[in-house]
Amino acid sequence: SDPPYLQELAHYVGIELVLGVSNKETPLAQIDADGDLTRGRPALNPVLALLQYQYPVQRIGPKFKPLAPPPLPTYLLVFRNQEFQVEFIELNPVAARLVDLLQQRALDSEQLLQQIAQELNHPEPRVVVQGGLDILRELHAAGAILGTWRR
């Protein structure tokens, strides 16, 4: 009799709690808050989780109780901002892949975005790179990216 999204919703709420009380330190001395996101290596907020769900758990509430998942998964980037408030950003699949690669690799933005363009087999890689740079700037403005790693 439980709704089909209950397990995912509980996981999401649990992640919010974990990030809210996290004691991870931000290595601010190693990060240039005004670094060049085009050429540098973006520094992700250390109190962050990239999540994928079948249901749009961030929208579930008294007025929205889906009976079935939508055709595409929901990608969320959940993080704690500088005011210690937990926030989320809904991502498209390309933005989620970019964050995933940022978590895995020590490459600069241009290299990561070129890799994504290759994975997509995009006929105009520069379009993917420019779109990815826009995403990086938005994530930086939101506080999910803190700047670039100092060399």
N, C-alpha and C. Protein backbone atom coordinates (compact mmCIF):
# COMPACT_ATOMS: atom_id res chain seq x y z
N SER A 1 0.80 -1.20 0.00
CA SER A 1 0.00 0.00 0.00
C SER A 1 0.86 1.28 0.00
N ASP A 2 2.18 1.12 0.09
CA ASP A 2 3.06 2.29 0.03
C ASP A 2 3.11 2.82 -1.39
N PRO A 3 3.25 4.13 -1.55
CA PRO A 3 3.37 4.68 -2.91
C PRO A 3 4.66 4.20 -3.56
N PRO A 4 4.69 4.09 -4.88
CA PRO A 4 5.85 3.52 -5.56
C PRO A 4 7.12 4.37 -5.44
N TYR A 5 7.00 5.62 -5.11
CA TYR A 5 8.15 6.51 -5.01
C TYR A 5 8.71 6.61 -3.59
N LEU A 6 8.11 5.92 -2.63
CA LEU A 6 8.45 6.10 -1.22
C LEU A 6 9.93 5.85 -0.92
N GLN A 7 10.48 4.77 -1.47
CA GLN A 7 11.89 4.46 -1.19
C GLN A 7 12.82 5.56 -1.71
N GLU A 8 12.56 6.04 -2.92
CA GLU A 8 13.40 7.11 -3.47
C GLU A 8 13.23 8.40 -2.68
N LEU A 9 12.02 8.71 -2.28
CA LEU A 9 11.77 9.92 -1.50
C LEU A 9 12.50 9.85 -0.15
N ALA A 10 12.44 8.70 0.49
CA ALA A 10 13.14 8.53 1.76
C ALA A 10 14.66 8.68 1.58
N HIS A 11 15.19 8.13 0.50
CA HIS A 11 16.62 8.28 0.23
C HIS A 11 17.00 9.75 0.06
N TYR A 12 16.20 10.47 -0.72
CA TYR A 12 16.46 11.89 -0.95
C TYR A 12 16.44 12.69 0.36
N VAL A 13 15.44 12.44 1.19
CA VAL A 13 15.35 13.13 2.48
C VAL A 13 16.56 12.77 3.35
N GLY A 14 16.97 11.52 3.30
CA GLY A 14 18.14 11.09 4.06
C GLY A 14 19.41 11.79 3.60
N ILE A 15 19.58 11.95 2.29
CA ILE A 15 20.75 12.65 1.76
C ILE A 15 20.75 14.10 2.21
N GLU A 16 19.58 14.74 2.18
CA GLU A 16 19.48 16.12 2.66
C GLU A 16 19.97 16.22 4.11
N LEU A 17 19.55 15.28 4.94
CA LEU A 17 19.97 15.28 6.35
C LEU A 17 21.48 15.07 6.49
N VAL A 18 22.01 14.10 5.76
CA VAL A 18 23.45 13.81 5.83
C VAL A 18 24.26 15.04 5.41
N LEU A 19 23.88 15.67 4.32
CA LEU A 19 24.62 16.85 3.87
C LEU A 19 24.47 18.01 4.85
N GLY A 20 23.30 18.13 5.45
CA GLY A 20 23.06 19.22 6.39
C GLY A 20 23.94 19.15 7.63
N VAL A 21 24.32 17.96 8.05
CA VAL A 21 25.15 17.81 9.26
C VAL A 21 26.58 17.39 8.94
N SER A 22 26.95 17.35 7.68
CA SER A 22 28.30 16.93 7.29
C SER A 22 29.36 17.82 7.94
N ASN A 23 30.47 17.19 8.33
CA ASN A 23 31.58 17.95 8.88
C ASN A 23 32.76 18.02 7.91
N LYS A 24 32.51 17.78 6.63
CA LYS A 24 33.57 17.89 5.64
C LYS A 24 34.08 19.32 5.60
N GLU A 25 35.39 19.44 5.55
CA GLU A 25 36.03 20.75 5.49
C GLU A 25 36.20 21.17 4.04
N THR A 26 36.05 22.44 3.78
CA THR A 26 36.29 22.99 2.45
C THR A 26 37.72 23.51 2.42
N PRO A 27 38.56 22.98 1.54
CA PRO A 27 39.97 23.42 1.47
C PRO A 27 40.10 24.77 0.75
N LEU A 28 39.62 25.83 1.38
CA LEU A 28 39.55 27.14 0.73
C LEU A 28 40.92 27.66 0.28
N ALA A 29 41.99 27.31 0.99
CA ALA A 29 43.32 27.78 0.61
C ALA A 29 43.76 27.19 -0.73
N GLN A 30 43.16 26.08 -1.14
CA GLN A 30 43.52 25.42 -2.39
C GLN A 30 42.61 25.81 -3.55
N ILE A 31 41.64 26.68 -3.28
CA ILE A 31 40.64 27.03 -4.29
C ILE A 31 40.70 28.52 -4.59
N ASP A 32 40.70 28.84 -5.88
CA ASP A 32 40.59 30.22 -6.34
C ASP A 32 39.13 30.47 -6.68
N ALA A 33 38.43 31.21 -5.81
CA ALA A 33 37.00 31.43 -5.99
C ALA A 33 36.69 32.15 -7.30
N ASP A 34 37.64 32.92 -7.81
CA ASP A 34 37.45 33.66 -9.06
C ASP A 34 38.22 33.03 -10.21
N GLY A 35 38.61 31.78 -10.07
CA GLY A 35 39.39 31.10 -11.10
C GLY A 35 38.64 30.98 -12.42
N ASP A 36 39.41 30.82 -13.47
CA ASP A 36 38.87 30.73 -14.84
C ASP A 36 38.28 29.33 -15.05
N LEU A 37 36.96 29.26 -15.07
CA LEU A 37 36.29 27.97 -15.26
C LEU A 37 36.52 27.39 -16.64
N THR A 38 36.93 28.22 -17.61
CA THR A 38 37.18 27.75 -18.97
C THR A 38 38.46 26.91 -19.04
N ARG A 39 39.48 27.37 -18.35
CA ARG A 39 40.78 26.71 -18.46
C ARG A 39 41.19 25.94 -17.20
N GLY A 40 40.55 26.25 -16.09
CA GLY A 40 40.94 25.63 -14.84
C GLY A 40 40.22 24.33 -14.57
N ARG A 41 40.57 23.76 -13.42
CA ARG A 41 39.90 22.54 -12.95
C ARG A 41 38.86 22.96 -11.91
N PRO A 42 37.58 22.85 -12.24
CA PRO A 42 36.54 23.28 -11.30
C PRO A 42 36.61 22.51 -9.99
N ALA A 43 36.44 23.25 -8.89
CA ALA A 43 36.45 22.66 -7.56
C ALA A 43 35.00 22.54 -7.08
N LEU A 44 34.53 21.31 -7.01
CA LEU A 44 33.17 21.08 -6.51
C LEU A 44 33.09 21.32 -5.02
N ASN A 45 31.95 21.78 -4.59
CA ASN A 45 31.65 21.89 -3.18
C ASN A 45 31.84 20.48 -2.58
N PRO A 46 32.59 20.34 -1.49
CA PRO A 46 32.81 18.99 -0.94
C PRO A 46 31.57 18.40 -0.26
N VAL A 47 30.58 19.23 0.05
CA VAL A 47 29.35 18.75 0.68
C VAL A 47 28.28 18.72 -0.41
N LEU A 48 28.33 17.64 -1.19
CA LEU A 48 27.55 17.57 -2.42
C LEU A 48 27.25 16.12 -2.76
N ALA A 49 26.10 15.88 -3.39
CA ALA A 49 25.76 14.54 -3.86
C ALA A 49 25.06 14.66 -5.22
N LEU A 50 25.50 13.85 -6.16
CA LEU A 50 24.85 13.74 -7.47
C LEU A 50 23.94 12.52 -7.41
N LEU A 51 22.65 12.73 -7.64
CA LEU A 51 21.66 11.68 -7.47
C LEU A 51 20.84 11.47 -8.73
N GLN A 52 20.40 10.23 -8.92
CA GLN A 52 19.51 9.91 -10.04
C GLN A 52 18.35 9.08 -9.49
N TYR A 53 17.14 9.52 -9.84
CA TYR A 53 15.94 8.84 -9.39
C TYR A 53 14.99 8.58 -10.56
N GLN A 54 14.14 7.59 -10.41
CA GLN A 54 13.08 7.35 -11.39
C GLN A 54 11.98 8.41 -11.26
N TYR A 55 11.75 8.85 -10.03
CA TYR A 55 10.68 9.80 -9.75
C TYR A 55 11.27 11.19 -9.46
N PRO A 56 10.53 12.25 -9.76
CA PRO A 56 10.99 13.61 -9.42
C PRO A 56 10.74 13.87 -7.92
N VAL A 57 11.58 13.30 -7.09
CA VAL A 57 11.36 13.32 -5.64
C VAL A 57 11.32 14.73 -5.06
N GLN A 58 11.99 15.66 -5.70
CA GLN A 58 12.03 17.03 -5.19
C GLN A 58 10.68 17.74 -5.33
N ARG A 59 9.78 17.18 -6.13
CA ARG A 59 8.46 17.79 -6.35
C ARG A 59 7.34 17.07 -5.60
N ILE A 60 7.63 15.92 -5.03
CA ILE A 60 6.59 15.13 -4.37
C ILE A 60 6.13 15.85 -3.10
N GLY A 61 4.83 15.93 -2.95
CA GLY A 61 4.23 16.58 -1.78
C GLY A 61 2.75 16.33 -1.78
N PRO A 62 2.03 17.04 -0.91
CA PRO A 62 0.58 16.82 -0.80
C PRO A 62 -0.18 17.01 -2.12
N LYS A 63 0.30 17.90 -2.98
CA LYS A 63 -0.41 18.16 -4.24
C LYS A 63 0.17 17.41 -5.43
N PHE A 64 1.27 16.69 -5.23
CA PHE A 64 1.88 15.93 -6.33
C PHE A 64 2.32 14.58 -5.81
N LYS A 65 1.60 13.55 -6.20
CA LYS A 65 1.87 12.17 -5.80
C LYS A 65 1.79 11.30 -7.05
N PRO A 66 2.89 11.17 -7.78
CA PRO A 66 2.83 10.42 -9.05
C PRO A 66 2.55 8.93 -8.83
N LEU A 67 1.78 8.38 -9.75
CA LEU A 67 1.46 6.95 -9.70
C LEU A 67 2.47 6.12 -10.47
N ALA A 68 3.17 6.77 -11.42
CA ALA A 68 4.17 6.07 -12.23
C ALA A 68 5.31 7.05 -12.52
N PRO A 69 6.51 6.52 -12.74
CA PRO A 69 7.63 7.42 -13.04
C PRO A 69 7.50 8.02 -14.44
N PRO A 70 8.05 9.22 -14.63
CA PRO A 70 8.07 9.79 -15.98
C PRO A 70 9.02 8.99 -16.86
N PRO A 71 9.01 9.22 -18.17
CA PRO A 71 9.85 8.42 -19.06
C PRO A 71 11.35 8.61 -18.86
N LEU A 72 11.77 9.78 -18.40
CA LEU A 72 13.19 10.04 -18.20
C LEU A 72 13.51 10.14 -16.71
N PRO A 73 14.71 9.73 -16.30
CA PRO A 73 15.08 9.84 -14.89
C PRO A 73 15.24 11.30 -14.47
N THR A 74 15.24 11.50 -13.18
CA THR A 74 15.48 12.82 -12.58
C THR A 74 16.90 12.83 -12.03
N TYR A 75 17.67 13.83 -12.42
CA TYR A 75 19.03 14.02 -11.92
C TYR A 75 19.04 15.24 -11.01
N LEU A 76 19.55 15.05 -9.80
CA LEU A 76 19.62 16.15 -8.84
C LEU A 76 21.04 16.31 -8.32
N LEU A 77 21.45 17.54 -8.20
CA LEU A 77 22.70 17.87 -7.54
C LEU A 77 22.30 18.53 -6.22
N VAL A 78 22.59 17.87 -5.12
CA VAL A 78 22.21 18.35 -3.80
C VAL A 78 23.48 18.77 -3.09
N PHE A 79 23.47 19.97 -2.49
CA PHE A 79 24.68 20.48 -1.84
C PHE A 79 24.31 21.43 -0.71
N ARG A 80 25.29 21.66 0.17
CA ARG A 80 25.10 22.61 1.25
C ARG A 80 25.81 23.90 0.88
N ASN A 81 25.09 25.01 0.92
CA ASN A 81 25.68 26.29 0.53
C ASN A 81 26.51 26.89 1.68
N GLN A 82 27.07 28.07 1.44
CA GLN A 82 27.93 28.71 2.43
C GLN A 82 27.17 29.13 3.70
N GLU A 83 25.84 29.23 3.60
CA GLU A 83 25.01 29.56 4.76
C GLU A 83 24.51 28.29 5.47
N PHE A 84 25.07 27.15 5.10
CA PHE A 84 24.73 25.85 5.68
C PHE A 84 23.29 25.43 5.43
N GLN A 85 22.74 25.89 4.30
CA GLN A 85 21.42 25.47 3.87
C GLN A 85 21.59 24.44 2.75
N VAL A 86 20.83 23.37 2.80
CA VAL A 86 20.90 22.34 1.75
C VAL A 86 20.00 22.79 0.60
N GLU A 87 20.57 22.78 -0.60
CA GLU A 87 19.86 23.16 -1.81
C GLU A 87 19.97 22.03 -2.83
N PHE A 88 19.15 22.12 -3.87
CA PHE A 88 19.27 21.17 -4.97
C PHE A 88 19.11 21.92 -6.28
N ILE A 89 19.70 21.33 -7.30
CA ILE A 89 19.56 21.81 -8.67
C ILE A 89 19.18 20.60 -9.50
N GLU A 90 18.11 20.72 -10.27
CA GLU A 90 17.74 19.65 -11.19
C GLU A 90 18.62 19.79 -12.43
N LEU A 91 19.22 18.69 -12.85
CA LEU A 91 20.14 18.69 -13.98
C LEU A 91 19.57 17.91 -15.15
N ASN A 92 19.99 18.29 -16.35
CA ASN A 92 19.69 17.45 -17.51
C ASN A 92 20.77 16.36 -17.58
N PRO A 93 20.61 15.35 -18.43
CA PRO A 93 21.59 14.26 -18.47
C PRO A 93 23.02 14.71 -18.80
N VAL A 94 23.18 15.71 -19.64
CA VAL A 94 24.53 16.17 -20.00
C VAL A 94 25.17 16.87 -18.81
N ALA A 95 24.43 17.70 -18.11
CA ALA A 95 24.96 18.38 -16.93
C ALA A 95 25.31 17.36 -15.84
N ALA A 96 24.48 16.33 -15.69
CA ALA A 96 24.76 15.28 -14.71
C ALA A 96 26.05 14.54 -15.08
N ARG A 97 26.25 14.28 -16.37
CA ARG A 97 27.48 13.62 -16.80
C ARG A 97 28.70 14.51 -16.52
N LEU A 98 28.55 15.80 -16.72
CA LEU A 98 29.64 16.73 -16.45
C LEU A 98 30.01 16.70 -14.97
N VAL A 99 29.03 16.77 -14.09
CA VAL A 99 29.31 16.71 -12.65
C VAL A 99 29.94 15.37 -12.29
N ASP A 100 29.44 14.30 -12.87
CA ASP A 100 30.01 12.98 -12.63
C ASP A 100 31.49 12.95 -13.00
N LEU A 101 31.82 13.49 -14.16
CA LEU A 101 33.23 13.53 -14.58
C LEU A 101 34.06 14.44 -13.68
N LEU A 102 33.49 15.55 -13.23
CA LEU A 102 34.21 16.43 -12.31
C LEU A 102 34.54 15.70 -11.01
N GLN A 103 33.66 14.84 -10.57
CA GLN A 103 33.90 14.07 -9.35
C GLN A 103 34.99 13.02 -9.54
N GLN A 104 35.14 12.54 -10.76
CA GLN A 104 36.05 11.42 -11.03
C GLN A 104 37.45 11.83 -11.46
N ARG A 105 37.58 12.96 -12.12
CA ARG A 105 38.81 13.25 -12.85
C ARG A 105 39.44 14.56 -12.45
N ALA A 106 40.74 14.63 -12.66
CA ALA A 106 41.49 15.86 -12.43
C ALA A 106 41.83 16.51 -13.77
N LEU A 107 40.81 16.72 -14.59
CA LEU A 107 41.00 17.36 -15.88
C LEU A 107 40.42 18.76 -15.85
N ASP A 108 40.88 19.60 -16.78
CA ASP A 108 40.30 20.93 -16.84
C ASP A 108 38.97 20.88 -17.58
N SER A 109 38.24 21.98 -17.50
CA SER A 109 36.89 22.04 -18.07
C SER A 109 36.86 21.71 -19.55
N GLU A 110 37.78 22.28 -20.29
CA GLU A 110 37.81 22.09 -21.75
C GLU A 110 37.95 20.60 -22.09
N GLN A 111 38.85 19.90 -21.38
CA GLN A 111 39.06 18.48 -21.64
C GLN A 111 37.80 17.66 -21.32
N LEU A 112 37.18 17.97 -20.18
CA LEU A 112 35.96 17.25 -19.80
C LEU A 112 34.84 17.46 -20.81
N LEU A 113 34.69 18.70 -21.25
CA LEU A 113 33.61 19.01 -22.20
C LEU A 113 33.88 18.42 -23.58
N GLN A 114 35.14 18.36 -23.98
CA GLN A 114 35.49 17.68 -25.23
C GLN A 114 35.15 16.20 -25.14
N GLN A 115 35.41 15.60 -23.98
CA GLN A 115 35.08 14.19 -23.78
C GLN A 115 33.57 13.97 -23.90
N ILE A 116 32.78 14.85 -23.30
CA ILE A 116 31.32 14.72 -23.39
C ILE A 116 30.87 14.87 -24.84
N ALA A 117 31.44 15.82 -25.56
CA ALA A 117 31.09 16.01 -26.98
C ALA A 117 31.38 14.73 -27.77
N GLN A 118 32.51 14.07 -27.47
CA GLN A 118 32.84 12.80 -28.14
C GLN A 118 31.83 11.72 -27.76
N GLU A 119 31.49 11.63 -26.47
CA GLU A 119 30.53 10.62 -26.02
C GLU A 119 29.18 10.81 -26.72
N LEU A 120 28.80 12.06 -26.93
CA LEU A 120 27.53 12.36 -27.60
C LEU A 120 27.63 12.23 -29.11
N ASN A 121 28.86 12.11 -29.60
CA ASN A 121 29.10 12.09 -31.04
C ASN A 121 28.46 13.32 -31.69
N HIS A 122 28.64 14.45 -31.04
CA HIS A 122 28.02 15.70 -31.47
C HIS A 122 28.75 16.25 -32.69
N PRO A 123 28.00 16.67 -33.73
CA PRO A 123 28.65 17.16 -34.95
C PRO A 123 29.38 18.50 -34.76
N GLU A 124 29.01 19.25 -33.72
CA GLU A 124 29.66 20.54 -33.45
C GLU A 124 30.13 20.57 -31.99
N PRO A 125 31.31 20.02 -31.71
CA PRO A 125 31.80 19.96 -30.33
C PRO A 125 31.84 21.31 -29.63
N ARG A 126 32.09 22.38 -30.37
CA ARG A 126 32.15 23.72 -29.76
C ARG A 126 30.81 24.08 -29.11
N VAL A 127 29.71 23.63 -29.68
CA VAL A 127 28.39 23.90 -29.09
C VAL A 127 28.29 23.22 -27.72
N VAL A 128 28.76 21.99 -27.63
CA VAL A 128 28.74 21.26 -26.36
C VAL A 128 29.65 21.95 -25.35
N VAL A 129 30.83 22.35 -25.80
CA VAL A 129 31.77 23.02 -24.90
C VAL A 129 31.16 24.32 -24.38
N GLN A 130 30.59 25.12 -25.25
CA GLN A 130 29.99 26.40 -24.81
C GLN A 130 28.83 26.17 -23.87
N GLY A 131 27.97 25.21 -24.18
CA GLY A 131 26.86 24.89 -23.28
C GLY A 131 27.35 24.39 -21.94
N GLY A 132 28.40 23.58 -21.95
CA GLY A 132 28.98 23.08 -20.71
C GLY A 132 29.59 24.19 -19.86
N LEU A 133 30.23 25.15 -20.52
CA LEU A 133 30.79 26.29 -19.78
C LEU A 133 29.68 27.11 -19.14
N ASP A 134 28.56 27.24 -19.84
CA ASP A 134 27.41 27.93 -19.26
C ASP A 134 26.92 27.19 -18.02
N ILE A 135 26.86 25.88 -18.08
CA ILE A 135 26.45 25.07 -16.94
C ILE A 135 27.42 25.27 -15.77
N LEU A 136 28.72 25.26 -16.06
CA LEU A 136 29.71 25.46 -15.00
C LEU A 136 29.53 26.82 -14.33
N ARG A 137 29.28 27.84 -15.11
CA ARG A 137 29.06 29.18 -14.53
C ARG A 137 27.81 29.20 -13.65
N GLU A 138 26.75 28.54 -14.09
CA GLU A 138 25.52 28.48 -13.29
C GLU A 138 25.77 27.72 -11.97
N LEU A 139 26.49 26.62 -12.04
CA LEU A 139 26.79 25.85 -10.84
C LEU A 139 27.69 26.65 -9.89
N HIS A 140 28.59 27.43 -10.46
CA HIS A 140 29.46 28.29 -9.63
C HIS A 140 28.63 29.37 -8.95
N ALA A 141 27.74 30.01 -9.69
CA ALA A 141 26.90 31.06 -9.12
C ALA A 141 26.00 30.51 -7.99
N ALA A 142 25.59 29.25 -8.12
CA ALA A 142 24.72 28.63 -7.12
C ALA A 142 25.48 28.15 -5.89
N GLY A 143 26.80 27.95 -6.03
CA GLY A 143 27.60 27.47 -4.91
C GLY A 143 27.92 25.99 -4.96
N ALA A 144 27.52 25.30 -6.01
CA ALA A 144 27.87 23.88 -6.16
C ALA A 144 29.32 23.72 -6.62
N ILE A 145 29.82 24.70 -7.37
CA ILE A 145 31.23 24.80 -7.72
C ILE A 145 31.77 26.00 -6.97
N LEU A 146 32.89 25.84 -6.28
CA LEU A 146 33.42 26.91 -5.44
C LEU A 146 34.44 27.78 -6.15
N GLY A 147 34.91 27.35 -7.29
CA GLY A 147 35.94 28.05 -8.05
C GLY A 147 36.78 27.03 -8.79
N THR A 148 38.07 27.30 -8.90
CA THR A 148 38.98 26.35 -9.54
C THR A 148 40.11 26.01 -8.57
N TRP A 149 40.64 24.81 -8.77
CA TRP A 149 41.78 24.39 -7.93
C TRP A 149 43.00 25.22 -8.31
N ARG A 150 43.72 25.65 -7.29
CA ARG A 150 44.99 26.38 -7.53
C ARG A 150 46.02 25.39 -8.04
N ARG A 151 46.89 25.87 -8.88
CA ARG A 151 47.94 24.99 -9.44
C ARG A 151 49.14 24.94 -8.54
